[in-house]
Amino acid sequence: MISSVGGSNAPGLATALMKEKTAMQDVAVAVVKKGQDIERAQGESALKLIDSATGAASPGRIDVHA
């Protein structure tokens, strides 16, 4: 019974497992890149908010009493 599980299809199985692992890594990289895009957009929004707040105060300062 063990001999029927033998190695005639082992290279195909190894290739399939490597392709699956590569696909999973590609998904992980895509998720990280999306997270970086979101962080970048939030940072840009924060800078715009800070810039708009400094426009009401004296140049280079944020009006904390508004």
PDB file of N, CA and C in Angstrom:
ATOM      1  N   MET A   1       0.811  -1.184   0.000  1.00  0.00           N
ATOM      2  CA  MET A   1       0.000   0.000   0.000  1.00  0.00           C
ATOM      3  C   MET A   1       0.861   1.257   0.000  1.00  0.00           C
ATOM      4  N   ILE A   2       1.930   1.242   0.744  1.00  0.00           N
ATOM      5  CA  ILE A   2       2.828   2.395   0.779  1.00  0.00           C
ATOM      6  C   ILE A   2       3.497   2.581  -0.579  1.00  0.00           C
ATOM      7  N   SER A   3       3.809   1.496  -1.239  1.00  0.00           N
ATOM      8  CA  SER A   3       4.460   1.625  -2.543  1.00  0.00           C
ATOM      9  C   SER A   3       3.541   2.259  -3.578  1.00  0.00           C
ATOM     10  N   SER A   4       2.227   2.184  -3.404  1.00  0.00           N
ATOM     11  CA  SER A   4       1.318   2.796  -4.366  1.00  0.00           C
ATOM     12  C   SER A   4       1.293   4.319  -4.218  1.00  0.00           C
ATOM     13  N   VAL A   5       1.751   4.847  -3.085  1.00  0.00           N
ATOM     14  CA  VAL A   5       1.816   6.288  -2.886  1.00  0.00           C
ATOM     15  C   VAL A   5       3.081   6.831  -3.527  1.00  0.00           C
ATOM     16  N   GLY A   6       3.984   5.989  -3.871  1.00  0.00           N
ATOM     17  CA  GLY A   6       5.311   6.260  -4.404  1.00  0.00           C
ATOM     18  C   GLY A   6       5.520   7.515  -5.205  1.00  0.00           C
ATOM     19  N   GLY A   7       6.710   7.653  -5.723  1.00  0.00           N
ATOM     20  CA  GLY A   7       7.207   8.905  -6.239  1.00  0.00           C
ATOM     21  C   GLY A   7       7.005   9.208  -7.692  1.00  0.00           C
ATOM     22  N   SER A   8       6.151   8.542  -8.406  1.00  0.00           N
ATOM     23  CA  SER A   8       6.024   8.851  -9.828  1.00  0.00           C
ATOM     24  C   SER A   8       5.428  10.228 -10.061  1.00  0.00           C
ATOM     25  N   ASN A   9       4.625  10.738  -9.130  1.00  0.00           N
ATOM     26  CA  ASN A   9       4.004  12.049  -9.301  1.00  0.00           C
ATOM     27  C   ASN A   9       4.605  13.086  -8.356  1.00  0.00           C
ATOM     28  N   ALA A  10       5.696  12.759  -7.699  1.00  0.00           N
ATOM     29  CA  ALA A  10       6.316  13.663  -6.734  1.00  0.00           C
ATOM     30  C   ALA A  10       6.755  14.994  -7.349  1.00  0.00           C
ATOM     31  N   PRO A  11       7.355  15.018  -8.543  1.00  0.00           N
ATOM     32  CA  PRO A  11       7.730  16.316  -9.112  1.00  0.00           C
ATOM     33  C   PRO A  11       6.520  17.205  -9.384  1.00  0.00           C
ATOM     34  N   GLY A  12       5.436  16.629  -9.834  1.00  0.00           N
ATOM     35  CA  GLY A  12       4.222  17.413 -10.075  1.00  0.00           C
ATOM     36  C   GLY A  12       3.661  17.984  -8.790  1.00  0.00           C
ATOM     37  N   LEU A  13       3.694  17.185  -7.733  1.00  0.00           N
ATOM     38  CA  LEU A  13       3.213  17.645  -6.437  1.00  0.00           C
ATOM     39  C   LEU A  13       4.100  18.765  -5.907  1.00  0.00           C
ATOM     40  N   ALA A  14       5.400  18.616  -6.030  1.00  0.00           N
ATOM     41  CA  ALA A  14       6.330  19.649  -5.563  1.00  0.00           C
ATOM     42  C   ALA A  14       6.110  20.949  -6.330  1.00  0.00           C
ATOM     43  N   THR A  15       5.896  20.835  -7.634  1.00  0.00           N
ATOM     44  CA  THR A  15       5.648  22.026  -8.451  1.00  0.00           C
ATOM     45  C   THR A  15       4.355  22.708  -8.030  1.00  0.00           C
ATOM     46  N   ALA A  16       3.318  21.921  -7.786  1.00  0.00           N
ATOM     47  CA  ALA A  16       2.038  22.484  -7.364  1.00  0.00           C
ATOM     48  C   ALA A  16       2.165  23.183  -6.018  1.00  0.00           C
ATOM     49  N   LEU A  17       2.901  22.594  -5.096  1.00  0.00           N
ATOM     50  CA  LEU A  17       3.092  23.204  -3.783  1.00  0.00           C
ATOM     51  C   LEU A  17       3.889  24.499  -3.883  1.00  0.00           C
ATOM     52  N   MET A  18       4.906  24.516  -4.742  1.00  0.00           N
ATOM     53  CA  MET A  18       5.700  25.733  -4.924  1.00  0.00           C
ATOM     54  C   MET A  18       4.854  26.842  -5.553  1.00  0.00           C
ATOM     55  N   LYS A  19       4.001  26.480  -6.515  1.00  0.00           N
ATOM     56  CA  LYS A  19       3.126  27.486  -7.143  1.00  0.00           C
ATOM     57  C   LYS A  19       2.141  28.048  -6.126  1.00  0.00           C
ATOM     58  N   GLU A  20       1.615  27.187  -5.265  1.00  0.00           N
ATOM     59  CA  GLU A  20       0.678  27.644  -4.246  1.00  0.00           C
ATOM     60  C   GLU A  20       1.367  28.586  -3.270  1.00  0.00           C
ATOM     61  N   LYS A  21       2.578  28.238  -2.863  1.00  0.00           N
ATOM     62  CA  LYS A  21       3.326  29.093  -1.933  1.00  0.00           C
ATOM     63  C   LYS A  21       3.630  30.442  -2.585  1.00  0.00           C
ATOM     64  N   THR A  22       4.009  30.422  -3.860  1.00  0.00           N
ATOM     65  CA  THR A  22       4.286  31.667  -4.577  1.00  0.00           C
ATOM     66  C   THR A  22       3.034  32.525  -4.666  1.00  0.00           C
ATOM     67  N   ALA A  23       1.901  31.907  -4.934  1.00  0.00           N
ATOM     68  CA  ALA A  23       0.645  32.649  -5.007  1.00  0.00           C
ATOM     69  C   ALA A  23       0.303  33.275  -3.657  1.00  0.00           C
ATOM     70  N   MET A  24       0.526  32.541  -2.581  1.00  0.00           N
ATOM     71  CA  MET A  24       0.250  33.069  -1.247  1.00  0.00           C
ATOM     72  C   MET A  24       1.176  34.247  -0.922  1.00  0.00           C
ATOM     73  N   GLN A  25       2.429  34.164  -1.344  1.00  0.00           N
ATOM     74  CA  GLN A  25       3.364  35.264  -1.125  1.00  0.00           C
ATOM     75  C   GLN A  25       2.960  36.481  -1.944  1.00  0.00           C
ATOM     76  N   ASP A  26       2.482  36.258  -3.167  1.00  0.00           N
ATOM     77  CA  ASP A  26       2.020  37.368  -4.002  1.00  0.00           C
ATOM     78  C   ASP A  26       0.843  38.092  -3.346  1.00  0.00           C
ATOM     79  N   VAL A  27      -0.070  37.332  -2.751  1.00  0.00           N
ATOM     80  CA  VAL A  27      -1.206  37.932  -2.056  1.00  0.00           C
ATOM     81  C   VAL A  27      -0.712  38.740  -0.857  1.00  0.00           C
ATOM     82  N   ALA A  28       0.216  38.186  -0.109  1.00  0.00           N
ATOM     83  CA  ALA A  28       0.749  38.891   1.057  1.00  0.00           C
ATOM     84  C   ALA A  28       1.418  40.203   0.650  1.00  0.00           C
ATOM     85  N   VAL A  29       2.170  40.188  -0.431  1.00  0.00           N
ATOM     86  CA  VAL A  29       2.826  41.407  -0.920  1.00  0.00           C
ATOM     87  C   VAL A  29       1.782  42.426  -1.356  1.00  0.00           C
ATOM     88  N   ALA A  30       0.735  41.985  -2.026  1.00  0.00           N
ATOM     89  CA  ALA A  30      -0.328  42.895  -2.466  1.00  0.00           C
ATOM     90  C   ALA A  30      -1.023  43.536  -1.267  1.00  0.00           C
ATOM     91  N   VAL A  31      -1.238  42.769  -0.208  1.00  0.00           N
ATOM     92  CA  VAL A  31      -1.877  43.308   0.991  1.00  0.00           C
ATOM     93  C   VAL A  31      -0.981  44.362   1.645  1.00  0.00           C
ATOM     94  N   VAL A  32       0.306  44.094   1.717  1.00  0.00           N
ATOM     95  CA  VAL A  32       1.240  45.059   2.303  1.00  0.00           C
ATOM     96  C   VAL A  32       1.277  46.340   1.473  1.00  0.00           C
ATOM     97  N   LYS A  33       1.322  46.198   0.150  1.00  0.00           N
ATOM     98  CA  LYS A  33       1.350  47.388  -0.717  1.00  0.00           C
ATOM     99  C   LYS A  33       0.081  48.213  -0.556  1.00  0.00           C
ATOM    100  N   LYS A  34      -1.070  47.548  -0.451  1.00  0.00           N
ATOM    101  CA  LYS A  34      -2.330  48.267  -0.253  1.00  0.00           C
ATOM    102  C   LYS A  34      -2.302  49.016   1.077  1.00  0.00           C
ATOM    103  N   GLY A  35      -1.778  48.365   2.107  1.00  0.00           N
ATOM    104  CA  GLY A  35      -1.649  49.022   3.404  1.00  0.00           C
ATOM    105  C   GLY A  35      -0.750  50.243   3.332  1.00  0.00           C
ATOM    106  N   GLN A  36       0.337  50.145   2.580  1.00  0.00           N
ATOM    107  CA  GLN A  36       1.237  51.285   2.410  1.00  0.00           C
ATOM    108  C   GLN A  36       0.545  52.423   1.663  1.00  0.00           C
ATOM    109  N   ASP A  37      -0.256  52.087   0.657  1.00  0.00           N
ATOM    110  CA  ASP A  37      -0.997  53.111  -0.078  1.00  0.00           C
ATOM    111  C   ASP A  37      -1.976  53.844   0.839  1.00  0.00           C
ATOM    112  N   ILE A  38      -2.650  53.091   1.700  1.00  0.00           N
ATOM    113  CA  ILE A  38      -3.599  53.694   2.631  1.00  0.00           C
ATOM    114  C   ILE A  38      -2.869  54.598   3.617  1.00  0.00           C
ATOM    115  N   GLU A  39      -1.744  54.129   4.151  1.00  0.00           N
ATOM    116  CA  GLU A  39      -0.955  54.941   5.085  1.00  0.00           C
ATOM    117  C   GLU A  39      -0.476  56.228   4.416  1.00  0.00           C
ATOM    118  N   ARG A  40      -0.038  56.115   3.170  1.00  0.00           N
ATOM    119  CA  ARG A  40       0.445  57.285   2.434  1.00  0.00           C
ATOM    120  C   ARG A  40      -0.691  58.296   2.253  1.00  0.00           C
ATOM    121  N   ALA A  41      -1.873  57.805   1.876  1.00  0.00           N
ATOM    122  CA  ALA A  41      -3.010  58.693   1.673  1.00  0.00           C
ATOM    123  C   ALA A  41      -3.416  59.367   2.989  1.00  0.00           C
ATOM    124  N   GLN A  42      -3.393  58.637   4.082  1.00  0.00           N
ATOM    125  CA  GLN A  42      -3.725  59.222   5.375  1.00  0.00           C
ATOM    126  C   GLN A  42      -2.692  60.274   5.788  1.00  0.00           C
ATOM    127  N   GLY A  43      -1.433  60.005   5.490  1.00  0.00           N
ATOM    128  CA  GLY A  43      -0.385  60.979   5.793  1.00  0.00           C
ATOM    129  C   GLY A  43      -0.556  62.258   5.003  1.00  0.00           C
ATOM    130  N   GLU A  44      -0.892  62.118   3.728  1.00  0.00           N
ATOM    131  CA  GLU A  44      -1.115  63.294   2.886  1.00  0.00           C
ATOM    132  C   GLU A  44      -2.316  64.089   3.379  1.00  0.00           C
ATOM    133  N   SER A  45      -3.366  63.385   3.791  1.00  0.00           N
ATOM    134  CA  SER A  45      -4.547  64.061   4.327  1.00  0.00           C
ATOM    135  C   SER A  45      -4.211  64.797   5.615  1.00  0.00           C
ATOM    136  N   ALA A  46      -3.405  64.180   6.465  1.00  0.00           N
ATOM    137  CA  ALA A  46      -3.005  64.823   7.715  1.00  0.00           C
ATOM    138  C   ALA A  46      -2.198  66.086   7.433  1.00  0.00           C
ATOM    139  N   LEU A  47      -1.298  66.009   6.455  1.00  0.00           N
ATOM    140  CA  LEU A  47      -0.506  67.199   6.108  1.00  0.00           C
ATOM    141  C   LEU A  47      -1.388  68.312   5.570  1.00  0.00           C
ATOM    142  N   LYS A  48      -2.386  67.961   4.749  1.00  0.00           N
ATOM    143  CA  LYS A  48      -3.308  68.978   4.232  1.00  0.00           C
ATOM    144  C   LYS A  48      -4.097  69.616   5.377  1.00  0.00           C
ATOM    145  N   LEU A  49      -4.521  68.795   6.337  1.00  0.00           N
ATOM    146  CA  LEU A  49      -5.260  69.317   7.481  1.00  0.00           C
ATOM    147  C   LEU A  49      -4.389  70.265   8.294  1.00  0.00           C
ATOM    148  N   ILE A  50      -3.146  69.888   8.522  1.00  0.00           N
ATOM    149  CA  ILE A  50      -2.221  70.747   9.265  1.00  0.00           C
ATOM    150  C   ILE A  50      -1.976  72.043   8.504  1.00  0.00           C
ATOM    151  N   ASP A  51      -1.788  71.941   7.197  1.00  0.00           N
ATOM    152  CA  ASP A  51      -1.578  73.145   6.387  1.00  0.00           C
ATOM    153  C   ASP A  51      -2.790  74.070   6.442  1.00  0.00           C
ATOM    154  N   SER A  52      -3.979  73.497   6.411  1.00  0.00           N
ATOM    155  CA  SER A  52      -5.174  74.342   6.473  1.00  0.00           C
ATOM    156  C   SER A  52      -5.307  74.999   7.839  1.00  0.00           C
ATOM    157  N   ALA A  53      -4.866  74.335   8.881  1.00  0.00           N
ATOM    158  CA  ALA A  53      -4.921  74.910  10.222  1.00  0.00           C
ATOM    159  C   ALA A  53      -3.884  76.014  10.388  1.00  0.00           C
ATOM    160  N   THR A  54      -2.752  75.884   9.735  1.00  0.00           N
ATOM    161  CA  THR A  54      -1.719  76.911   9.860  1.00  0.00           C
ATOM    162  C   THR A  54      -2.070  78.155   9.059  1.00  0.00           C
ATOM    163  N   GLY A  55      -2.965  78.036   8.084  1.00  0.00           N
ATOM    164  CA  GLY A  55      -3.362  79.203   7.301  1.00  0.00           C
ATOM    165  C   GLY A  55      -4.105  80.220   8.138  1.00  0.00           C
ATOM    166  N   ALA A  56      -4.840  79.779   9.161  1.00  0.00           N
ATOM    167  CA  ALA A  56      -5.608  80.695  10.007  1.00  0.00           C
ATOM    168  C   ALA A  56      -4.723  81.345  11.059  1.00  0.00           C
ATOM    169  N   ALA A  57      -3.651  80.721  11.409  1.00  0.00           N
ATOM    170  CA  ALA A  57      -2.745  81.262  12.441  1.00  0.00           C
ATOM    171  C   ALA A  57      -1.624  82.028  11.762  1.00  0.00           C
ATOM    172  N   SER A  58      -0.718  82.511  12.553  1.00  0.00           N
ATOM    173  CA  SER A  58       0.443  83.201  11.990  1.00  0.00           C
ATOM    174  C   SER A  58       1.293  82.191  11.230  1.00  0.00           C
ATOM    175  N   PRO A  59       2.042  82.628  10.256  1.00  0.00           N
ATOM    176  CA  PRO A  59       2.813  81.699   9.417  1.00  0.00           C
ATOM    177  C   PRO A  59       3.710  80.764  10.226  1.00  0.00           C
ATOM    178  N   GLY A  60       3.624  79.474   9.941  1.00  0.00           N
ATOM    179  CA  GLY A  60       4.469  78.490  10.591  1.00  0.00           C
ATOM    180  C   GLY A  60       3.969  78.013  11.939  1.00  0.00           C
ATOM    181  N   ARG A  61       2.813  78.491  12.366  1.00  0.00           N
ATOM    182  CA  ARG A  61       2.298  78.089  13.677  1.00  0.00           C
ATOM    183  C   ARG A  61       0.846  77.626  13.533  1.00  0.00           C
ATOM    184  N   ILE A  62       0.436  76.737  14.419  1.00  0.00           N
ATOM    185  CA  ILE A  62      -0.939  76.270  14.455  1.00  0.00           C
ATOM    186  C   ILE A  62      -1.667  77.023  15.564  1.00  0.00           C
ATOM    187  N   ASP A  63      -2.847  77.530  15.261  1.00  0.00           N
ATOM    188  CA  ASP A  63      -3.645  78.248  16.252  1.00  0.00           C
ATOM    189  C   ASP A  63      -4.338  77.221  17.144  1.00  0.00           C
ATOM    190  N   VAL A  64      -3.840  77.054  18.354  1.00  0.00           N
ATOM    191  CA  VAL A  64      -4.394  76.059  19.265  1.00  0.00           C
ATOM    192  C   VAL A  64      -5.571  76.593  20.064  1.00  0.00           C
ATOM    193  N   HIS A  65      -5.877  77.872  19.974  1.00  0.00           N
ATOM    194  CA  HIS A  65      -6.971  78.478  20.726  1.00  0.00           C
ATOM    195  C   HIS A  65      -8.210  78.661  19.876  1.00  0.00           C
ATOM    196  N   ALA A  66      -8.229  78.179  18.681  1.00  0.00           N
ATOM    197  CA  ALA A  66      -9.372  78.397  17.799  1.00  0.00           C
ATOM    198  C   ALA A  66     -10.565  77.597  18.212  1.00  0.00           C
TER     199      ALA A  66
END
